[in-house]
Amino acid sequence: MEIFAQITGWMVAPIVIALFAGKALDKKYHSEPWIFLGLTFVAFFISISGIVIITVKYIKQIERETKEKKLKDKNNERAG
């Protein structure tokens, strides 16, 4: 559930911010839809970066837990 919340946050937050900021800046500078589109592309890359960071973090955590479990199992076999 924690992973889902983090990934959803990385997907939604940058896009929503780009939506509101892009629309407001386009109205202010009469440049519709260019600022909105530019910020949307930036938000897309920010989202991808965040998802990659979270994924790498959890992959390392799973590898560490697996390694610790194997080591513990190996020690239990020696002791038993």
N, C-alpha and C. Protein backbone atom coordinates (compact mmCIF):
# COMPACT_ATOMS: atom_id res chain seq x y z
N MET A 1 0.82 -1.18 0.00
CA MET A 1 0.00 0.00 0.00
C MET A 1 0.87 1.26 0.00
N GLU A 2 1.98 1.19 0.73
CA GLU A 2 2.90 2.33 0.81
C GLU A 2 3.50 2.64 -0.57
N ILE A 3 3.89 1.59 -1.28
CA ILE A 3 4.47 1.77 -2.61
C ILE A 3 3.44 2.40 -3.54
N PHE A 4 2.21 1.91 -3.49
CA PHE A 4 1.14 2.44 -4.33
C PHE A 4 0.93 3.93 -4.07
N ALA A 5 0.91 4.31 -2.80
CA ALA A 5 0.71 5.72 -2.45
C ALA A 5 1.85 6.59 -2.97
N GLN A 6 3.08 6.11 -2.82
CA GLN A 6 4.22 6.90 -3.28
C GLN A 6 4.21 7.05 -4.80
N ILE A 7 3.96 5.97 -5.51
CA ILE A 7 3.95 6.04 -6.97
C ILE A 7 2.81 6.92 -7.47
N THR A 8 1.65 6.77 -6.84
CA THR A 8 0.52 7.61 -7.23
C THR A 8 0.84 9.09 -7.00
N GLY A 9 1.48 9.39 -5.89
CA GLY A 9 1.87 10.77 -5.61
C GLY A 9 2.81 11.32 -6.66
N TRP A 10 3.78 10.49 -7.07
CA TRP A 10 4.73 10.94 -8.10
C TRP A 10 4.05 11.09 -9.45
N MET A 11 2.98 10.37 -9.69
CA MET A 11 2.29 10.49 -10.97
C MET A 11 1.32 11.67 -10.98
N VAL A 12 0.61 11.87 -9.90
CA VAL A 12 -0.47 12.87 -9.87
C VAL A 12 0.04 14.28 -9.58
N ALA A 13 0.86 14.42 -8.56
CA ALA A 13 1.27 15.77 -8.11
C ALA A 13 1.91 16.62 -9.22
N PRO A 14 2.93 16.13 -9.92
CA PRO A 14 3.53 16.99 -10.96
C PRO A 14 2.56 17.35 -12.09
N ILE A 15 1.68 16.40 -12.45
CA ILE A 15 0.73 16.67 -13.52
C ILE A 15 -0.30 17.72 -13.10
N VAL A 16 -0.80 17.61 -11.88
CA VAL A 16 -1.79 18.58 -11.39
C VAL A 16 -1.16 19.97 -11.27
N ILE A 17 0.05 20.02 -10.76
CA ILE A 17 0.75 21.31 -10.65
C ILE A 17 0.98 21.91 -12.04
N ALA A 18 1.40 21.08 -13.00
CA ALA A 18 1.62 21.55 -14.36
C ALA A 18 0.31 22.04 -14.99
N LEU A 19 -0.77 21.35 -14.69
CA LEU A 19 -2.07 21.75 -15.24
C LEU A 19 -2.45 23.15 -14.78
N PHE A 20 -2.45 23.37 -13.48
CA PHE A 20 -2.86 24.67 -12.96
C PHE A 20 -1.86 25.78 -13.30
N ALA A 21 -0.58 25.49 -13.13
CA ALA A 21 0.43 26.51 -13.43
C ALA A 21 0.46 26.84 -14.91
N GLY A 22 0.38 25.80 -15.75
CA GLY A 22 0.41 26.02 -17.19
C GLY A 22 -0.76 26.84 -17.69
N LYS A 23 -1.94 26.50 -17.21
CA LYS A 23 -3.14 27.25 -17.63
C LYS A 23 -3.05 28.71 -17.16
N ALA A 24 -2.62 28.91 -15.92
CA ALA A 24 -2.52 30.28 -15.38
C ALA A 24 -1.48 31.09 -16.15
N LEU A 25 -0.32 30.51 -16.40
CA LEU A 25 0.73 31.24 -17.12
C LEU A 25 0.34 31.50 -18.57
N ASP A 26 -0.34 30.54 -19.19
CA ASP A 26 -0.81 30.76 -20.57
C ASP A 26 -1.80 31.92 -20.64
N LYS A 27 -2.69 32.00 -19.68
CA LYS A 27 -3.64 33.12 -19.67
C LYS A 27 -2.92 34.45 -19.44
N LYS A 28 -1.95 34.43 -18.52
CA LYS A 28 -1.24 35.67 -18.20
C LYS A 28 -0.43 36.18 -19.39
N TYR A 29 0.24 35.27 -20.09
CA TYR A 29 1.13 35.67 -21.18
C TYR A 29 0.51 35.46 -22.58
N HIS A 30 -0.76 35.08 -22.64
CA HIS A 30 -1.47 34.87 -23.89
C HIS A 30 -0.67 33.96 -24.84
N SER A 31 -0.26 32.82 -24.30
CA SER A 31 0.58 31.92 -25.09
C SER A 31 -0.04 30.53 -25.20
N GLU A 32 -1.36 30.45 -25.06
CA GLU A 32 -2.02 29.14 -25.06
C GLU A 32 -1.67 28.35 -26.29
N PRO A 33 -1.40 27.12 -26.19
CA PRO A 33 -1.24 26.17 -25.09
C PRO A 33 0.22 25.86 -24.79
N TRP A 34 1.15 26.71 -25.19
CA TRP A 34 2.57 26.34 -25.19
C TRP A 34 3.18 26.16 -23.80
N ILE A 35 2.91 27.06 -22.88
CA ILE A 35 3.47 26.90 -21.54
C ILE A 35 2.87 25.65 -20.88
N PHE A 36 1.57 25.47 -21.05
CA PHE A 36 0.90 24.29 -20.51
C PHE A 36 1.55 23.01 -21.05
N LEU A 37 1.75 22.94 -22.35
CA LEU A 37 2.36 21.75 -22.95
C LEU A 37 3.79 21.55 -22.46
N GLY A 38 4.55 22.63 -22.37
CA GLY A 38 5.92 22.52 -21.89
C GLY A 38 5.99 22.01 -20.46
N LEU A 39 5.14 22.57 -19.60
CA LEU A 39 5.12 22.11 -18.21
C LEU A 39 4.62 20.67 -18.09
N THR A 40 3.73 20.28 -18.97
CA THR A 40 3.24 18.90 -18.96
C THR A 40 4.37 17.93 -19.29
N PHE A 41 5.19 18.27 -20.28
CA PHE A 41 6.33 17.42 -20.61
C PHE A 41 7.33 17.36 -19.45
N VAL A 42 7.58 18.49 -18.82
CA VAL A 42 8.48 18.51 -17.65
C VAL A 42 7.91 17.66 -16.53
N ALA A 43 6.61 17.79 -16.28
CA ALA A 43 5.95 17.00 -15.23
C ALA A 43 6.04 15.51 -15.53
N PHE A 44 5.91 15.15 -16.79
CA PHE A 44 6.02 13.75 -17.20
C PHE A 44 7.40 13.20 -16.84
N PHE A 45 8.44 13.94 -17.14
CA PHE A 45 9.80 13.47 -16.83
C PHE A 45 10.07 13.46 -15.32
N ILE A 46 9.50 14.41 -14.60
CA ILE A 46 9.62 14.40 -13.14
C ILE A 46 8.94 13.16 -12.57
N SER A 47 7.76 12.83 -13.08
CA SER A 47 7.04 11.64 -12.63
C SER A 47 7.84 10.37 -12.89
N ILE A 48 8.38 10.27 -14.09
CA ILE A 48 9.18 9.09 -14.42
C ILE A 48 10.39 8.98 -13.50
N SER A 49 11.06 10.09 -13.26
CA SER A 49 12.23 10.08 -12.38
C SER A 49 11.86 9.63 -10.97
N GLY A 50 10.77 10.15 -10.45
CA GLY A 50 10.32 9.76 -9.12
C GLY A 50 9.98 8.28 -9.03
N ILE A 51 9.31 7.77 -10.04
CA ILE A 51 8.95 6.36 -10.05
C ILE A 51 10.19 5.49 -10.12
N VAL A 52 11.17 5.89 -10.92
CA VAL A 52 12.42 5.13 -11.01
C VAL A 52 13.15 5.13 -9.66
N ILE A 53 13.20 6.27 -9.00
CA ILE A 53 13.85 6.37 -7.69
C ILE A 53 13.18 5.44 -6.68
N ILE A 54 11.85 5.46 -6.64
CA ILE A 54 11.12 4.59 -5.72
C ILE A 54 11.37 3.12 -6.05
N THR A 55 11.32 2.79 -7.33
CA THR A 55 11.52 1.41 -7.74
C THR A 55 12.90 0.90 -7.35
N VAL A 56 13.93 1.69 -7.60
CA VAL A 56 15.29 1.29 -7.25
C VAL A 56 15.41 1.11 -5.73
N LYS A 57 14.80 2.01 -4.98
CA LYS A 57 14.84 1.92 -3.52
C LYS A 57 14.24 0.60 -3.04
N TYR A 58 13.08 0.24 -3.57
CA TYR A 58 12.42 -0.98 -3.12
C TYR A 58 13.12 -2.23 -3.64
N ILE A 59 13.70 -2.18 -4.81
CA ILE A 59 14.47 -3.33 -5.31
C ILE A 59 15.66 -3.59 -4.41
N LYS A 60 16.37 -2.53 -4.01
CA LYS A 60 17.51 -2.69 -3.10
C LYS A 60 17.05 -3.24 -1.75
N GLN A 61 15.91 -2.76 -1.27
CA GLN A 61 15.38 -3.24 0.01
C GLN A 61 15.04 -4.73 -0.08
N ILE A 62 14.40 -5.15 -1.15
CA ILE A 62 14.05 -6.56 -1.33
C ILE A 62 15.30 -7.42 -1.43
N GLU A 63 16.31 -6.96 -2.19
CA GLU A 63 17.56 -7.71 -2.31
C GLU A 63 18.24 -7.85 -0.95
N ARG A 64 18.25 -6.78 -0.17
CA ARG A 64 18.87 -6.82 1.15
C ARG A 64 18.13 -7.80 2.07
N GLU A 65 16.81 -7.76 2.06
CA GLU A 65 16.02 -8.66 2.89
C GLU A 65 16.20 -10.12 2.46
N THR A 66 16.28 -10.35 1.16
CA THR A 66 16.50 -11.71 0.65
C THR A 66 17.87 -12.22 1.07
N LYS A 67 18.86 -11.38 0.96
CA LYS A 67 20.22 -11.76 1.34
C LYS A 67 20.29 -12.07 2.84
N GLU A 68 19.66 -11.23 3.66
CA GLU A 68 19.64 -11.46 5.10
C GLU A 68 18.92 -12.75 5.44
N LYS A 69 17.83 -13.04 4.75
CA LYS A 69 17.08 -14.27 5.00
C LYS A 69 17.90 -15.49 4.64
N LYS A 70 18.58 -15.46 3.49
CA LYS A 70 19.43 -16.58 3.09
C LYS A 70 20.54 -16.81 4.09
N LEU A 71 21.15 -15.72 4.55
CA LEU A 71 22.22 -15.83 5.54
C LEU A 71 21.69 -16.42 6.84
N LYS A 72 20.51 -15.98 7.26
CA LYS A 72 19.90 -16.49 8.49
C LYS A 72 19.57 -17.97 8.34
N ASP A 73 19.01 -18.36 7.19
CA ASP A 73 18.68 -19.77 6.94
C ASP A 73 19.95 -20.63 6.94
N LYS A 74 21.00 -20.10 6.35
CA LYS A 74 22.27 -20.84 6.30
C LYS A 74 22.83 -21.02 7.71
N ASN A 75 22.75 -19.99 8.54
CA ASN A 75 23.22 -20.09 9.92
C ASN A 75 22.38 -21.06 10.73
N ASN A 76 21.07 -21.09 10.48
CA ASN A 76 20.18 -22.04 11.17
C ASN A 76 20.50 -23.49 10.78
N GLU A 77 20.86 -23.72 9.52
CA GLU A 77 21.22 -25.06 9.07
C GLU A 77 22.49 -25.53 9.76
N ARG A 78 23.45 -24.64 9.92
CA ARG A 78 24.71 -24.99 10.59
C ARG A 78 24.48 -25.29 12.06
N ALA A 79 23.62 -24.52 12.69
CA ALA A 79 23.37 -24.67 14.12
C ALA A 79 22.51 -25.91 14.38
N GLY A 80 21.67 -26.29 13.43
CA GLY A 80 20.71 -27.37 13.66
C GLY A 80 21.18 -28.66 13.21
